[in-house]
Structure formats: C-alpha cells, structure tokens
Amino acid sequence: MTVTTKRQVVLPKAMCERKRIGPGTSLRITEVGEGFYVTAVPEPTEAELRAVFKTLDAGRRTRPITAADEAEIQEEIKKYRAGRRRGKA
C-alpha cells in the first residue's frame, strides 16, 4: 500500500472482502511499536441503540417507553442502517 498526498491508503479488495469492510465502514487505527493495527469498528446492535435511547431519555422524561416510542426507535435504527449502506452515516 502507498500513502497518497492526502494521507489516504487503499486497502486491497480481497482483504476488504474477507473482513467485510465496505464503503462507509469506520476503522480504528492504533499505534503498535513501529507500525499500526487497523480494526473495523462494529456497528451498534439494536440492543445497544435501544440502550442509548433509554439513557438519553432517562434524564428528559419519567414515563416508561411506549409503543410509539418503540416505533420511533425502530425507525431511527432503519434510517441509521440505510445511511450506513449508502455510506452516509
């Protein structure tokens, strides 16, 4: 691999296919000795997103999550995933 003038690198296609790295995938780079360790940052699961919504809502309201709230959460998850597939999130 070569670093471009914009400090970008291109990962080999075969490597990306093996590791399921596609456009929009977030990568974490960690310095290790004289080199780097690159890992894909996994997308949050539905359970993780739901926990985030509950945490955010905990300070704003005192009522339990309703069916309408749950539908809103599911819609946000769908939007998030659609954006990830298009490489926009």
PDB file of N, CA and C in Angstrom:
ATOM      1  N   MET A   1       0.841  -1.171   0.000  1.00  0.00           N
ATOM      2  CA  MET A   1       0.000   0.000   0.000  1.00  0.00           C
ATOM      3  C   MET A   1       0.890   1.240   0.000  1.00  0.00           C
ATOM      4  N   THR A   2       0.368   2.291  -0.570  1.00  0.00           N
ATOM      5  CA  THR A   2       1.070   3.565  -0.617  1.00  0.00           C
ATOM      6  C   THR A   2       0.169   4.642  -0.030  1.00  0.00           C
ATOM      7  N   VAL A   3       0.762   5.580   0.677  1.00  0.00           N
ATOM      8  CA  VAL A   3       0.018   6.710   1.218  1.00  0.00           C
ATOM      9  C   VAL A   3       0.008   7.804   0.152  1.00  0.00           C
ATOM     10  N   THR A   4      -1.188   8.345  -0.146  1.00  0.00           N
ATOM     11  CA  THR A   4      -1.303   9.410  -1.136  1.00  0.00           C
ATOM     12  C   THR A   4      -0.911  10.754  -0.524  1.00  0.00           C
ATOM     13  N   THR A   5      -0.880  11.786  -1.359  1.00  0.00           N
ATOM     14  CA  THR A   5      -0.567  13.127  -0.865  1.00  0.00           C
ATOM     15  C   THR A   5      -1.620  13.613   0.125  1.00  0.00           C
ATOM     16  N   LYS A   6      -2.815  13.029   0.077  1.00  0.00           N
ATOM     17  CA  LYS A   6      -3.880  13.374   1.024  1.00  0.00           C
ATOM     18  C   LYS A   6      -3.839  12.467   2.266  1.00  0.00           C
ATOM     19  N   ARG A   7      -2.768  11.680   2.390  1.00  0.00           N
ATOM     20  CA  ARG A   7      -2.585  10.734   3.502  1.00  0.00           C
ATOM     21  C   ARG A   7      -3.634   9.630   3.512  1.00  0.00           C
ATOM     22  N   GLN A   8      -4.089   9.241   2.344  1.00  0.00           N
ATOM     23  CA  GLN A   8      -5.065   8.163   2.229  1.00  0.00           C
ATOM     24  C   GLN A   8      -4.368   6.895   1.757  1.00  0.00           C
ATOM     25  N   VAL A   9      -4.955   5.755   2.142  1.00  0.00           N
ATOM     26  CA  VAL A   9      -4.463   4.464   1.664  1.00  0.00           C
ATOM     27  C   VAL A   9      -5.640   3.691   1.083  1.00  0.00           C
ATOM     28  N   VAL A  10      -5.334   2.799   0.160  1.00  0.00           N
ATOM     29  CA  VAL A  10      -6.357   1.944  -0.426  1.00  0.00           C
ATOM     30  C   VAL A  10      -6.094   0.527   0.065  1.00  0.00           C
ATOM     31  N   LEU A  11      -7.106  -0.063   0.679  1.00  0.00           N
ATOM     32  CA  LEU A  11      -6.973  -1.437   1.168  1.00  0.00           C
ATOM     33  C   LEU A  11      -7.231  -2.398   0.013  1.00  0.00           C
ATOM     34  N   PRO A  12      -6.484  -3.485  -0.056  1.00  0.00           N
ATOM     35  CA  PRO A  12      -6.704  -4.465  -1.125  1.00  0.00           C
ATOM     36  C   PRO A  12      -8.128  -5.028  -1.076  1.00  0.00           C
ATOM     37  N   LYS A  13      -8.732  -5.187  -2.258  1.00  0.00           N
ATOM     38  CA  LYS A  13     -10.109  -5.660  -2.368  1.00  0.00           C
ATOM     39  C   LYS A  13     -10.315  -6.998  -1.665  1.00  0.00           C
ATOM     40  N   ALA A  14      -9.403  -7.935  -1.880  1.00  0.00           N
ATOM     41  CA  ALA A  14      -9.548  -9.267  -1.280  1.00  0.00           C
ATOM     42  C   ALA A  14      -9.565  -9.177   0.246  1.00  0.00           C
ATOM     43  N   MET A  15      -8.735  -8.316   0.807  1.00  0.00           N
ATOM     44  CA  MET A  15      -8.695  -8.145   2.262  1.00  0.00           C
ATOM     45  C   MET A  15     -10.021  -7.579   2.764  1.00  0.00           C
ATOM     46  N   CYS A  16     -10.523  -6.576   2.058  1.00  0.00           N
ATOM     47  CA  CYS A  16     -11.793  -5.962   2.462  1.00  0.00           C
ATOM     48  C   CYS A  16     -12.939  -6.969   2.391  1.00  0.00           C
ATOM     49  N   GLU A  17     -12.935  -7.791   1.364  1.00  0.00           N
ATOM     50  CA  GLU A  17     -13.995  -8.799   1.238  1.00  0.00           C
ATOM     51  C   GLU A  17     -13.911  -9.819   2.367  1.00  0.00           C
ATOM     52  N   ARG A  18     -12.704 -10.249   2.704  1.00  0.00           N
ATOM     53  CA  ARG A  18     -12.542 -11.227   3.798  1.00  0.00           C
ATOM     54  C   ARG A  18     -13.010 -10.657   5.127  1.00  0.00           C
ATOM     55  N   LYS A  19     -12.726  -9.388   5.357  1.00  0.00           N
ATOM     56  CA  LYS A  19     -13.063  -8.764   6.639  1.00  0.00           C
ATOM     57  C   LYS A  19     -14.379  -7.991   6.603  1.00  0.00           C
ATOM     58  N   ARG A  20     -15.086  -8.093   5.490  1.00  0.00           N
ATOM     59  CA  ARG A  20     -16.378  -7.406   5.302  1.00  0.00           C
ATOM     60  C   ARG A  20     -16.270  -5.907   5.574  1.00  0.00           C
ATOM     61  N   ILE A  21     -15.278  -5.281   4.962  1.00  0.00           N
ATOM     62  CA  ILE A  21     -15.079  -3.844   5.062  1.00  0.00           C
ATOM     63  C   ILE A  21     -15.565  -3.229   3.761  1.00  0.00           C
ATOM     64  N   GLY A  22     -16.552  -2.354   3.861  1.00  0.00           N
ATOM     65  CA  GLY A  22     -17.112  -1.719   2.668  1.00  0.00           C
ATOM     66  C   GLY A  22     -17.091  -0.211   2.807  1.00  0.00           C
ATOM     67  N   PRO A  23     -17.582   0.480   1.780  1.00  0.00           N
ATOM     68  CA  PRO A  23     -17.644   1.942   1.852  1.00  0.00           C
ATOM     69  C   PRO A  23     -18.424   2.378   3.089  1.00  0.00           C
ATOM     70  N   GLY A  24     -17.884   3.327   3.799  1.00  0.00           N
ATOM     71  CA  GLY A  24     -18.550   3.838   4.993  1.00  0.00           C
ATOM     72  C   GLY A  24     -18.194   3.112   6.280  1.00  0.00           C
ATOM     73  N   THR A  25     -17.454   2.009   6.180  1.00  0.00           N
ATOM     74  CA  THR A  25     -17.051   1.289   7.384  1.00  0.00           C
ATOM     75  C   THR A  25     -16.059   2.144   8.166  1.00  0.00           C
ATOM     76  N   SER A  26     -16.296   2.304   9.439  1.00  0.00           N
ATOM     77  CA  SER A  26     -15.366   3.050  10.295  1.00  0.00           C
ATOM     78  C   SER A  26     -14.221   2.138  10.690  1.00  0.00           C
ATOM     79  N   LEU A  27     -13.010   2.674  10.632  1.00  0.00           N
ATOM     80  CA  LEU A  27     -11.833   1.910  11.021  1.00  0.00           C
ATOM     81  C   LEU A  27     -11.148   2.598  12.186  1.00  0.00           C
ATOM     82  N   ARG A  28     -10.584   1.800  13.071  1.00  0.00           N
ATOM     83  CA  ARG A  28      -9.816   2.318  14.202  1.00  0.00           C
ATOM     84  C   ARG A  28      -8.356   1.967  13.921  1.00  0.00           C
ATOM     85  N   ILE A  29      -7.464   2.942  14.068  1.00  0.00           N
ATOM     86  CA  ILE A  29      -6.041   2.697  13.860  1.00  0.00           C
ATOM     87  C   ILE A  29      -5.317   2.946  15.170  1.00  0.00           C
ATOM     88  N   THR A  30      -4.489   1.977  15.572  1.00  0.00           N
ATOM     89  CA  THR A  30      -3.773   2.040  16.837  1.00  0.00           C
ATOM     90  C   THR A  30      -2.284   1.873  16.563  1.00  0.00           C
ATOM     91  N   GLU A  31      -1.477   2.744  17.157  1.00  0.00           N
ATOM     92  CA  GLU A  31      -0.032   2.602  17.010  1.00  0.00           C
ATOM     93  C   GLU A  31       0.436   1.407  17.827  1.00  0.00           C
ATOM     94  N   VAL A  32       1.240   0.560  17.191  1.00  0.00           N
ATOM     95  CA  VAL A  32       1.796  -0.608  17.863  1.00  0.00           C
ATOM     96  C   VAL A  32       3.279  -0.657  17.497  1.00  0.00           C
ATOM     97  N   GLY A  33       4.121  -0.332  18.446  1.00  0.00           N
ATOM     98  CA  GLY A  33       5.561  -0.312  18.172  1.00  0.00           C
ATOM     99  C   GLY A  33       5.870   0.652  17.046  1.00  0.00           C
ATOM    100  N   GLU A  34       6.478   0.149  15.994  1.00  0.00           N
ATOM    101  CA  GLU A  34       6.821   0.964  14.830  1.00  0.00           C
ATOM    102  C   GLU A  34       5.752   0.887  13.747  1.00  0.00           C
ATOM    103  N   GLY A  35       4.636   0.215  14.013  1.00  0.00           N
ATOM    104  CA  GLY A  35       3.603   0.047  12.999  1.00  0.00           C
ATOM    105  C   GLY A  35       2.231   0.446  13.490  1.00  0.00           C
ATOM    106  N   PHE A  36       1.233  -0.047  12.775  1.00  0.00           N
ATOM    107  CA  PHE A  36      -0.163   0.260  13.083  1.00  0.00           C
ATOM    108  C   PHE A  36      -0.985  -1.018  13.097  1.00  0.00           C
ATOM    109  N   TYR A  37      -2.027  -0.995  13.881  1.00  0.00           N
ATOM    110  CA  TYR A  37      -3.005  -2.081  13.941  1.00  0.00           C
ATOM    111  C   TYR A  37      -4.338  -1.468  13.537  1.00  0.00           C
ATOM    112  N   VAL A  38      -4.945  -1.987  12.477  1.00  0.00           N
ATOM    113  CA  VAL A  38      -6.192  -1.432  11.953  1.00  0.00           C
ATOM    114  C   VAL A  38      -7.318  -2.431  12.192  1.00  0.00           C
ATOM    115  N   THR A  39      -8.401  -1.961  12.804  1.00  0.00           N
ATOM    116  CA  THR A  39      -9.559  -2.816  13.034  1.00  0.00           C
ATOM    117  C   THR A  39     -10.828  -2.074  12.627  1.00  0.00           C
ATOM    118  N   ALA A  40     -11.798  -2.825  12.162  1.00  0.00           N
ATOM    119  CA  ALA A  40     -13.100  -2.246  11.836  1.00  0.00           C
ATOM    120  C   ALA A  40     -13.850  -1.976  13.133  1.00  0.00           C
ATOM    121  N   VAL A  41     -14.547  -0.857  13.174  1.00  0.00           N
ATOM    122  CA  VAL A  41     -15.373  -0.523  14.338  1.00  0.00           C
ATOM    123  C   VAL A  41     -16.760  -1.094  14.047  1.00  0.00           C
ATOM    124  N   PRO A  42     -17.224  -2.050  14.841  1.00  0.00           N
ATOM    125  CA  PRO A  42     -18.520  -2.667  14.557  1.00  0.00           C
ATOM    126  C   PRO A  42     -19.674  -1.690  14.715  1.00  0.00           C
ATOM    127  N   GLU A  43     -20.687  -1.875  13.872  1.00  0.00           N
ATOM    128  CA  GLU A  43     -21.898  -1.065  14.001  1.00  0.00           C
ATOM    129  C   GLU A  43     -22.620  -1.450  15.291  1.00  0.00           C
ATOM    130  N   PRO A  44     -23.303  -0.503  15.895  1.00  0.00           N
ATOM    131  CA  PRO A  44     -24.040  -0.856  17.116  1.00  0.00           C
ATOM    132  C   PRO A  44     -25.195  -1.809  16.802  1.00  0.00           C
ATOM    133  N   THR A  45     -25.479  -2.674  17.747  1.00  0.00           N
ATOM    134  CA  THR A  45     -26.601  -3.597  17.593  1.00  0.00           C
ATOM    135  C   THR A  45     -27.891  -2.873  17.962  1.00  0.00           C
ATOM    136  N   GLU A  46     -29.008  -3.480  17.651  1.00  0.00           N
ATOM    137  CA  GLU A  46     -30.296  -2.890  18.037  1.00  0.00           C
ATOM    138  C   GLU A  46     -30.362  -2.712  19.548  1.00  0.00           C
ATOM    139  N   ALA A  47     -29.864  -3.692  20.290  1.00  0.00           N
ATOM    140  CA  ALA A  47     -29.902  -3.607  21.757  1.00  0.00           C
ATOM    141  C   ALA A  47     -29.056  -2.428  22.247  1.00  0.00           C
ATOM    142  N   GLU A  48     -27.893  -2.216  21.627  1.00  0.00           N
ATOM    143  CA  GLU A  48     -27.050  -1.094  22.035  1.00  0.00           C
ATOM    144  C   GLU A  48     -27.716   0.241  21.723  1.00  0.00           C
ATOM    145  N   LEU A  49     -28.314   0.348  20.532  1.00  0.00           N
ATOM    146  CA  LEU A  49     -29.012   1.588  20.174  1.00  0.00           C
ATOM    147  C   LEU A  49     -30.183   1.845  21.106  1.00  0.00           C
ATOM    148  N   ARG A  50     -30.921   0.777  21.424  1.00  0.00           N
ATOM    149  CA  ARG A  50     -32.063   0.914  22.327  1.00  0.00           C
ATOM    150  C   ARG A  50     -31.592   1.402  23.697  1.00  0.00           C
ATOM    151  N   ALA A  51     -30.450   0.869  24.164  1.00  0.00           N
ATOM    152  CA  ALA A  51     -29.906   1.287  25.459  1.00  0.00           C
ATOM    153  C   ALA A  51     -29.507   2.757  25.429  1.00  0.00           C
ATOM    154  N   VAL A  52     -28.949   3.197  24.303  1.00  0.00           N
ATOM    155  CA  VAL A  52     -28.568   4.608  24.171  1.00  0.00           C
ATOM    156  C   VAL A  52     -29.806   5.488  24.243  1.00  0.00           C
ATOM    157  N   PHE A  53     -30.855   5.111  23.487  1.00  0.00           N
ATOM    158  CA  PHE A  53     -32.090   5.895  23.518  1.00  0.00           C
ATOM    159  C   PHE A  53     -32.647   5.969  24.941  1.00  0.00           C
ATOM    160  N   LYS A  54     -32.633   4.841  25.645  1.00  0.00           N
ATOM    161  CA  LYS A  54     -33.161   4.829  27.007  1.00  0.00           C
ATOM    162  C   LYS A  54     -32.338   5.726  27.917  1.00  0.00           C
ATOM    163  N   THR A  55     -31.029   5.701  27.774  1.00  0.00           N
ATOM    164  CA  THR A  55     -30.159   6.540  28.588  1.00  0.00           C
ATOM    165  C   THR A  55     -30.418   8.012  28.316  1.00  0.00           C
ATOM    166  N   LEU A  56     -30.531   8.366  27.030  1.00  0.00           N
ATOM    167  CA  LEU A  56     -30.785   9.757  26.669  1.00  0.00           C
ATOM    168  C   LEU A  56     -32.135  10.219  27.189  1.00  0.00           C
ATOM    169  N   ASP A  57     -33.130   9.346  27.076  1.00  0.00           N
ATOM    170  CA  ASP A  57     -34.478   9.710  27.507  1.00  0.00           C
ATOM    171  C   ASP A  57     -34.626   9.727  29.027  1.00  0.00           C
ATOM    172  N   ALA A  58     -33.769   9.014  29.732  1.00  0.00           N
ATOM    173  CA  ALA A  58     -33.905   8.902  31.183  1.00  0.00           C
ATOM    174  C   ALA A  58     -33.872  10.261  31.871  1.00  0.00           C
ATOM    175  N   GLY A  59     -33.065  11.163  31.380  1.00  0.00           N
ATOM    176  CA  GLY A  59     -32.970  12.469  32.004  1.00  0.00           C
ATOM    177  C   GLY A  59     -34.051  13.431  31.559  1.00  0.00           C
ATOM    178  N   ARG A  60     -34.814  13.080  30.509  1.00  0.00           N
ATOM    179  CA  ARG A  60     -35.796  14.010  29.962  1.00  0.00           C
ATOM    180  C   ARG A  60     -37.235  13.676  30.324  1.00  0.00           C
ATOM    181  N   ARG A  61     -37.482  12.443  30.646  1.00  0.00           N
ATOM    182  CA  ARG A  61     -38.868  12.090  30.965  1.00  0.00           C
ATOM    183  C   ARG A  61     -38.916  11.000  32.019  1.00  0.00           C
ATOM    184  N   THR A  62     -40.022  10.936  32.671  1.00  0.00           N
ATOM    185  CA  THR A  62     -40.142   9.977  33.759  1.00  0.00           C
ATOM    186  C   THR A  62     -41.069   8.820  33.421  1.00  0.00           C
ATOM    187  N   ARG A  63     -41.713   8.883  32.260  1.00  0.00           N
ATOM    188  CA  ARG A  63     -42.638   7.799  31.907  1.00  0.00           C
ATOM    189  C   ARG A  63     -41.890   6.672  31.189  1.00  0.00           C
ATOM    190  N   PRO A  64     -42.432   5.455  31.240  1.00  0.00           N
ATOM    191  CA  PRO A  64     -41.790   4.339  30.537  1.00  0.00           C
ATOM    192  C   PRO A  64     -41.920   4.519  29.017  1.00  0.00           C
ATOM    193  N   ILE A  65     -41.099   3.809  28.275  1.00  0.00           N
ATOM    194  CA  ILE A  65     -41.146   3.875  26.814  1.00  0.00           C
ATOM    195  C   ILE A  65     -42.445   3.225  26.336  1.00  0.00           C
ATOM    196  N   THR A  66     -43.150   3.936  25.493  1.00  0.00           N
ATOM    197  CA  THR A  66     -44.433   3.457  24.970  1.00  0.00           C
ATOM    198  C   THR A  66     -44.222   2.744  23.638  1.00  0.00           C
ATOM    199  N   ALA A  67     -45.299   2.183  23.118  1.00  0.00           N
ATOM    200  CA  ALA A  67     -45.250   1.531  21.800  1.00  0.00           C
ATOM    201  C   ALA A  67     -44.869   2.547  20.724  1.00  0.00           C
ATOM    202  N   ALA A  68     -45.355   3.777  20.851  1.00  0.00           N
ATOM    203  CA  ALA A  68     -44.998   4.834  19.896  1.00  0.00           C
ATOM    204  C   ALA A  68     -43.509   5.157  19.981  1.00  0.00           C
ATOM    205  N   ASP A  69     -42.980   5.189  21.207  1.00  0.00           N
ATOM    206  CA  ASP A  69     -41.547   5.421  21.385  1.00  0.00           C
ATOM    207  C   ASP A  69     -40.740   4.288  20.748  1.00  0.00           C
ATOM    208  N   GLU A  70     -41.191   3.074  20.976  1.00  0.00           N
ATOM    209  CA  GLU A  70     -40.511   1.902  20.418  1.00  0.00           C
ATOM    210  C   GLU A  70     -40.525   1.966  18.893  1.00  0.00           C
ATOM    211  N   ALA A  71     -41.652   2.383  18.304  1.00  0.00           N
ATOM    212  CA  ALA A  71     -41.744   2.518  16.847  1.00  0.00           C
ATOM    213  C   ALA A  71     -40.760   3.578  16.352  1.00  0.00           C
ATOM    214  N   GLU A  72     -40.634   4.666  17.104  1.00  0.00           N
ATOM    215  CA  GLU A  72     -39.686   5.725  16.740  1.00  0.00           C
ATOM    216  C   GLU A  72     -38.246   5.205  16.796  1.00  0.00           C
ATOM    217  N   ILE A  73     -37.942   4.411  17.812  1.00  0.00           N
ATOM    218  CA  ILE A  73     -36.615   3.816  17.939  1.00  0.00           C
ATOM    219  C   ILE A  73     -36.339   2.912  16.734  1.00  0.00           C
ATOM    220  N   GLN A  74     -37.309   2.068  16.386  1.00  0.00           N
ATOM    221  CA  GLN A  74     -37.132   1.163  15.245  1.00  0.00           C
ATOM    222  C   GLN A  74     -36.917   1.954  13.953  1.00  0.00           C
ATOM    223  N   GLU A  75     -37.637   3.052  13.785  1.00  0.00           N
ATOM    224  CA  GLU A  75     -37.484   3.891  12.593  1.00  0.00           C
ATOM    225  C   GLU A  75     -36.088   4.502  12.543  1.00  0.00           C
ATOM    226  N   GLU A  76     -35.587   4.959  13.683  1.00  0.00           N
ATOM    227  CA  GLU A  76     -34.241   5.538  13.736  1.00  0.00           C
ATOM    228  C   GLU A  76     -33.187   4.488  13.412  1.00  0.00           C
ATOM    229  N   ILE A  77     -33.392   3.261  13.879  1.00  0.00           N
ATOM    230  CA  ILE A  77     -32.469   2.170  13.567  1.00  0.00           C
ATOM    231  C   ILE A  77     -32.468   1.920  12.058  1.00  0.00           C
ATOM    232  N   LYS A  78     -33.659   1.894  11.446  1.00  0.00           N
ATOM    233  CA  LYS A  78     -33.751   1.684   9.990  1.00  0.00           C
ATOM    234  C   LYS A  78     -33.037   2.795   9.229  1.00  0.00           C
ATOM    235  N   LYS A  79     -33.247   4.044   9.648  1.00  0.00           N
ATOM    236  CA  LYS A  79     -32.593   5.188   8.992  1.00  0.00           C
ATOM    237  C   LYS A  79     -31.076   5.078   9.125  1.00  0.00           C
ATOM    238  N   TYR A  80     -30.624   4.724  10.323  1.00  0.00           N
ATOM    239  CA  TYR A  80     -29.193   4.593  10.575  1.00  0.00           C
ATOM    240  C   TYR A  80     -28.592   3.534   9.660  1.00  0.00           C
ATOM    241  N   ARG A  81     -29.235   2.384   9.600  1.00  0.00           N
ATOM    242  CA  ARG A  81     -28.711   1.291   8.769  1.00  0.00           C
ATOM    243  C   ARG A  81     -28.756   1.635   7.288  1.00  0.00           C
ATOM    244  N   ALA A  82     -29.818   2.300   6.845  1.00  0.00           N
ATOM    245  CA  ALA A  82     -29.909   2.710   5.439  1.00  0.00           C
ATOM    246  C   ALA A  82     -28.794   3.690   5.111  1.00  0.00           C
ATOM    247  N   GLY A  83     -28.527   4.604   6.012  1.00  0.00           N
ATOM    248  CA  GLY A  83     -27.445   5.563   5.818  1.00  0.00           C
ATOM    249  C   GLY A  83     -26.089   4.875   5.760  1.00  0.00           C
ATOM    250  N   ARG A  84     -25.886   3.866   6.596  1.00  0.00           N
ATOM    251  CA  ARG A  84     -24.620   3.117   6.612  1.00  0.00           C
ATOM    252  C   ARG A  84     -24.426   2.401   5.273  1.00  0.00           C
ATOM    253  N   ARG A  85     -25.523   1.834   4.739  1.00  0.00           N
ATOM    254  CA  ARG A  85     -25.413   1.127   3.458  1.00  0.00           C
ATOM    255  C   ARG A  85     -25.056   2.074   2.336  1.00  0.00           C
ATOM    256  N   ARG A  86     -25.522   3.326   2.414  1.00  0.00           N
ATOM    257  CA  ARG A  86     -25.212   4.325   1.386  1.00  0.00           C
ATOM    258  C   ARG A  86     -23.907   5.040   1.680  1.00  0.00           C
ATOM    259  N   GLY A  87     -23.284   4.720   2.829  1.00  0.00           N
ATOM    260  CA  GLY A  87     -22.023   5.352   3.185  1.00  0.00           C
ATOM    261  C   GLY A  87     -22.170   6.770   3.689  1.00  0.00           C
ATOM    262  N   LYS A  88     -23.370   7.117   4.226  1.00  0.00           N
ATOM    263  CA  LYS A  88     -23.625   8.481   4.671  1.00  0.00           C
ATOM    264  C   LYS A  88     -23.604   8.648   6.174  1.00  0.00           C
ATOM    265  N   ALA A  89     -23.518   7.555   6.917  1.00  0.00           N
ATOM    266  CA  ALA A  89     -23.545   7.680   8.382  1.00  0.00           C
ATOM    267  C   ALA A  89     -22.188   7.424   8.969  1.00  0.00           C
TER     268      ALA A  89
END
